[in-house]
Protein backbone atom coordinates (compact mmCIF):
# COMPACT_ATOMS: atom_id res chain seq x y z
CA MET A 1 6.75 -7.56 -25.24
CA THR A 2 3.17 -8.67 -26.81
CA LEU A 3 2.61 -13.24 -26.80
CA ARG A 4 1.82 -14.53 -30.14
CA GLN A 5 -1.31 -15.80 -31.30
CA GLY A 6 -3.41 -18.35 -29.47
CA VAL A 7 -0.66 -18.76 -26.35
CA VAL A 8 -1.28 -18.47 -22.76
CA ALA A 9 1.53 -17.01 -20.19
CA GLY A 10 0.63 -17.20 -16.53
CA ALA A 11 2.75 -17.01 -13.03
CA ILE A 12 2.33 -16.92 -9.80
CA THR A 13 4.27 -14.83 -7.16
CA LEU A 14 4.79 -14.70 -3.49
CA GLU A 15 5.57 -11.41 -2.02
CA VAL A 16 6.65 -11.19 1.16
CA SER A 17 7.23 -8.15 3.83
CA PHE A 18 10.21 -7.48 5.95
CA ALA A 19 9.23 -4.34 6.39
CA LYS A 20 10.96 -2.69 9.29
CA ASP A 21 8.83 0.20 9.49
CA LYS A 22 6.21 -0.63 10.70
CA PRO A 23 6.36 -0.69 14.39
CA ARG A 24 3.00 -3.14 15.66
CA ALA A 25 3.43 -5.13 12.37
CA GLU A 26 4.02 -8.86 12.70
CA PRO A 27 6.84 -10.48 10.69
CA PHE A 28 6.47 -10.99 7.45
CA GLU A 29 3.66 -8.99 6.88
CA PRO A 30 1.98 -8.57 4.69
CA THR A 31 2.34 -11.67 2.61
CA SER A 32 0.27 -11.77 -0.38
CA ILE A 33 0.19 -14.45 -3.54
CA ALA A 34 -0.69 -12.99 -6.38
CA PRO A 35 -1.56 -14.60 -10.10
CA ASP A 36 -1.32 -12.93 -13.70
CA ILE A 37 -2.40 -14.35 -16.93
CA ALA A 38 -2.17 -13.18 -20.28
CA VAL A 39 -3.31 -14.66 -23.77
CA GLY A 40 -2.16 -13.37 -26.95
CA VAL A 41 -5.02 -12.07 -29.11
CA THR A 42 -3.10 -11.33 -32.09
CA ASP A 43 0.51 -11.04 -32.32
CA ASP A 44 0.56 -7.07 -32.00
CA LEU A 45 -2.59 -7.79 -28.84
CA THR A 46 -2.29 -9.35 -25.49
CA ILE A 47 -4.44 -9.31 -22.76
CA GLY A 48 -4.34 -10.02 -19.60
CA LEU A 49 -5.50 -10.30 -15.72
CA ILE A 50 -2.88 -9.01 -13.14
CA ASN A 51 -2.80 -8.87 -9.81
CA SER A 52 0.87 -8.64 -8.17
CA SER A 53 2.97 -5.38 -7.79
CA SER A 54 5.30 -6.10 -10.48
CA ALA A 55 2.49 -7.02 -12.85
CA LEU A 56 0.86 -3.92 -11.52
CA THR A 57 3.36 -1.09 -11.31
CA GLY A 58 6.83 -2.33 -12.76
CA PHE A 59 8.11 -2.83 -9.43
CA ARG A 60 9.09 -5.81 -7.21
CA GLY A 61 10.03 -3.57 -4.41
CA SER A 62 6.57 -4.39 -2.18
CA ALA A 63 4.10 -7.06 -0.63
CA GLY A 64 0.47 -7.17 -0.18
CA ALA A 65 -0.97 -7.51 -3.86
CA GLY A 66 -3.32 -10.03 -5.53
CA LEU A 67 -4.95 -12.46 -2.47
CA CYS A 68 -3.64 -11.99 0.92
CA LEU A 69 -2.10 -14.63 3.48
CA THR A 70 -1.38 -12.31 6.12
CA GLY A 71 -1.53 -8.57 7.20
CA THR A 72 -4.84 -6.53 8.81
CA ASP A 73 -3.73 -3.08 7.57
CA GLY A 74 -3.52 -1.10 4.10
CA HIS A 75 -3.37 -2.46 1.45
CA CYS A 76 -4.55 -5.90 3.43
CA ALA A 77 -7.39 -5.24 5.05
CA HIS A 78 -9.12 -7.55 2.90
CA VAL A 79 -8.50 -10.95 1.12
CA TYR A 80 -8.43 -9.82 -2.08
CA SER A 81 -6.22 -6.31 -2.82
CA THR A 82 -5.07 -5.28 -6.24
CA GLY A 83 -5.37 -6.50 -9.52
CA GLY A 84 -6.77 -5.67 -13.15
CA LEU A 85 -7.48 -5.45 -16.63
CA GLU A 86 -4.27 -4.50 -18.53
CA ALA A 87 -3.45 -4.55 -22.44
CA LEU A 88 -0.12 -4.67 -24.37
CA TYR A 89 0.04 -3.78 -28.13
CA SER A 90 3.60 -3.85 -29.71
CA LEU A 91 4.63 -1.44 -31.65
CA ALA A 92 7.90 -2.14 -32.36
CA LYS A 93 9.77 -5.61 -32.29
CA GLY A 94 13.32 -6.69 -32.03
CA PRO A 95 16.55 -5.77 -29.98
CA ALA A 96 14.57 -2.92 -29.59
CA ALA A 97 10.94 -3.48 -28.41
CA ILE A 98 8.23 -1.34 -27.75
CA ALA A 99 4.59 -1.97 -26.45
CA ALA A 100 1.98 0.11 -25.23
CA THR A 101 0.03 -0.47 -22.20
CA ALA A 102 -3.72 0.87 -20.81
CA GLY A 103 -5.39 -0.75 -18.06
CA PHE A 104 -8.10 -0.85 -15.46
CA LEU A 105 -7.09 -1.11 -12.12
CA LEU A 106 -8.62 -1.30 -8.73
CA THR A 107 -5.43 -0.19 -6.46
CA SER A 108 -7.59 -0.32 -3.05
CA PHE A 109 -10.55 -1.69 -1.57
CA THR A 110 -9.19 0.13 2.29
CA PRO A 111 -11.47 2.91 3.21
CA GLU A 112 -12.94 2.89 -0.10
CA VAL A 113 -12.66 1.53 -3.08
CA HIS A 114 -10.45 3.04 -5.63
CA GLU A 115 -10.29 2.52 -9.41
CA ASP A 116 -7.71 4.06 -11.96
CA LEU A 117 -7.31 4.23 -15.61
CA LYS A 118 -3.57 3.10 -16.05
CA LEU A 119 -1.54 4.44 -19.48
CA GLY A 120 2.13 3.72 -20.08
CA PHE A 121 4.90 1.37 -22.21
CA LYS A 122 6.83 -1.01 -22.01
CA MET A 123 10.86 -1.27 -24.01
CA LYS A 124 13.46 -4.29 -24.07
CA LEU A 125 15.95 -3.10 -24.94
CA SER A 126 18.45 -6.19 -26.02
CA ASP A 127 22.44 -6.62 -27.14
CA GLY A 128 23.45 -10.34 -26.94
CA ASN A 129 23.22 -11.76 -23.51
CA VAL A 130 22.73 -8.43 -22.12
CA PHE A 131 18.89 -6.34 -21.95
CA ALA A 132 17.13 -3.71 -20.36
CA LEU A 133 13.38 -3.53 -19.66
CA PHE A 134 12.25 -0.06 -19.23
CA SER A 135 7.84 0.45 -18.10
CA PRO A 136 6.92 4.08 -17.28
CA SER A 137 3.03 3.77 -16.47
CA VAL A 138 0.56 6.82 -14.66
CA TRP A 139 -2.30 5.95 -13.00
CA ILE A 140 -5.08 8.41 -13.01
CA ALA A 141 -7.64 8.43 -10.18
CA LEU A 142 -11.44 8.25 -11.64
CA ASP A 143 -12.27 8.40 -8.16
CA ASP A 144 -12.31 9.95 -4.66
CA ARG A 145 -10.35 12.71 -6.56
CA TYR A 146 -11.07 15.18 -3.97
CA ALA A 147 -11.52 13.59 -1.18
CA ARG A 148 -11.38 15.58 2.10
CA ALA A 149 -9.87 13.10 3.77
CA VAL A 150 -8.01 10.90 1.81
CA PRO A 151 -7.70 11.74 -1.84
CA HIS A 152 -7.30 9.30 -4.11
CA LYS A 153 -4.12 11.14 -6.68
CA ASP A 154 -2.97 9.59 -9.71
CA GLN A 155 0.52 7.84 -9.27
CA ILE A 156 3.46 7.79 -12.34
CA TRP A 157 5.78 4.35 -12.24
CA ALA A 158 9.20 4.32 -13.83
CA PRO A 159 11.23 1.21 -13.62
CA ILE A 160 13.77 0.36 -15.46
CA SER A 161 15.78 -2.75 -14.33
CA LEU A 162 19.26 -4.41 -16.91
CA TRP A 163 20.02 -7.79 -16.69
CA VAL A 164 22.70 -10.59 -18.01
CA LYS A 165 21.71 -14.17 -19.02
CA THR A 166 24.40 -16.48 -18.48
CA GLY A 167 23.36 -20.30 -20.09
CA LYS A 168 20.19 -20.33 -18.28
CA THR A 169 20.18 -17.92 -15.47
CA ALA A 170 19.56 -14.38 -15.64
CA LEU A 171 20.82 -11.27 -13.28
CA GLY A 172 19.70 -8.34 -12.35
CA VAL A 173 19.48 -5.47 -11.14
CA GLY A 174 16.61 -3.27 -10.45
CA THR A 175 15.69 0.61 -9.97
CA GLY A 176 13.24 3.14 -11.24
CA VAL A 177 11.31 6.60 -9.94
CA LYS A 178 7.68 6.13 -8.29
CA GLY A 179 5.26 8.92 -6.20
CA PRO A 180 2.64 10.69 -6.52
CA ILE A 181 2.49 13.35 -9.02
CA THR A 182 0.78 15.76 -6.56
CA ASP A 183 3.84 16.96 -4.91
CA PHE A 184 6.42 14.68 -6.41
CA LYS A 185 9.17 16.47 -5.44
CA ASP A 186 8.61 15.11 -1.25
CA ASN A 187 6.92 12.55 -2.02
CA TRP A 188 9.02 10.34 -4.88
CA SER A 189 11.04 7.32 -4.08
CA VAL A 190 13.15 4.97 -5.19
CA PRO A 191 13.87 0.91 -4.59
CA ILE A 192 17.28 -0.56 -5.26
CA GLY A 193 16.79 -4.34 -5.59
CA LEU A 194 18.76 -7.75 -7.21
CA ALA A 195 16.29 -10.74 -8.73
CA ALA A 196 17.36 -13.36 -10.68
CA GLN A 197 15.56 -16.06 -12.46
CA TYR A 198 16.68 -19.85 -14.07
CA ALA A 199 14.94 -21.51 -16.84
CA LEU A 200 13.50 -24.61 -15.79
CA GLN A 201 12.84 -25.49 -19.29
CA PRO A 202 12.01 -22.87 -22.66
CA ARG A 203 8.36 -22.33 -21.15
CA ALA A 204 8.91 -22.19 -18.02
CA SER A 205 11.35 -20.59 -14.79
CA ILE A 206 11.23 -19.15 -11.82
CA GLY A 207 12.82 -16.96 -10.30
CA ALA A 208 13.32 -14.03 -6.79
CA SER A 209 14.09 -11.05 -5.99
CA PHE A 210 15.13 -9.33 -2.46
CA VAL A 211 14.56 -4.98 -3.18
CA PHE A 212 14.40 -2.12 -0.16
CA GLY A 213 11.56 -0.42 -2.04
CA LYS A 214 12.12 3.21 -0.44
CA MET A 215 16.21 3.33 -0.26
CA LEU A 216 16.18 6.96 -1.01
CA ALA A 217 12.93 9.18 -1.06
CA GLY A 218 11.52 12.70 -0.66
CA SER A 219 11.38 14.47 2.75
CA GLY A 220 7.60 13.57 3.24
CA VAL A 221 8.13 10.11 2.75
CA PRO A 222 8.01 7.83 5.91
CA ASN A 223 10.94 5.76 7.39
CA PRO A 224 12.94 5.90 3.91
CA GLY A 225 15.99 4.18 3.89
CA ALA A 226 16.59 -0.14 4.00
CA ASP A 227 13.73 -0.63 7.09
CA ALA A 228 11.53 -1.45 4.04
CA SER A 229 11.98 -4.15 2.42
CA ALA A 230 10.27 -7.70 0.27
CA LEU A 231 10.94 -11.29 -1.02
CA GLN A 232 9.20 -12.37 -3.95
CA ILE A 233 9.45 -15.76 -5.76
CA TRP A 234 7.36 -16.44 -8.67
CA ILE A 235 7.05 -18.80 -11.30
CA ASN A 236 6.76 -18.51 -15.37
CA VAL A 237 5.07 -20.94 -17.87
CA ALA A 238 3.65 -20.19 -21.06
CA SER A 239 1.92 -22.75 -23.18
CA ASN A 240 3.15 -23.64 -26.74
């Protein structure tokens, strides 16, 4: 789950919204590009600068994280929308690998800058050419918790995915549950999607996913179903 000492790994992700639940939005709005970079401080400790929605939340069912290319509302009211610093510490290695995560995030710039503390863990269970990923986390709001207009709420994210490797290709299906801790029973949502990744060489790969961001949802979530979806395309590289 962590990088070896001295190894530097990076990823760049193109995030494109296909949402039809925003009647005033232009096609593919928002679209963003999000770089992530991490370094192995020791074999057990990795520190990274994260910007993509997948690195921030573990889910790939949205667009508009990192640097915005199109879009004028929500996260993309500013050129830079979300990002932060994250530390990953290995607790167990092998077929049942697990690591604790902690980070400081800037999760919104509109209408105010919002800061969050991220706490969670990442787990990878492997058996031959099949593996599962589970990376739940909690975002603890550090400001505007009691704002009258739009309070900044604590969030829970619990993504899970199952993957099968065939040669250089890995195919996966992902889902999970997410939502604000306050009134979670009315505001939860469940994304569902598919992903594929191809190894260009041992230290470089390219991948893509298409995810419906709120296929199932609570009564307080607007426009659930197939109208909210996002395409992501990414490239991963790592040093020796």
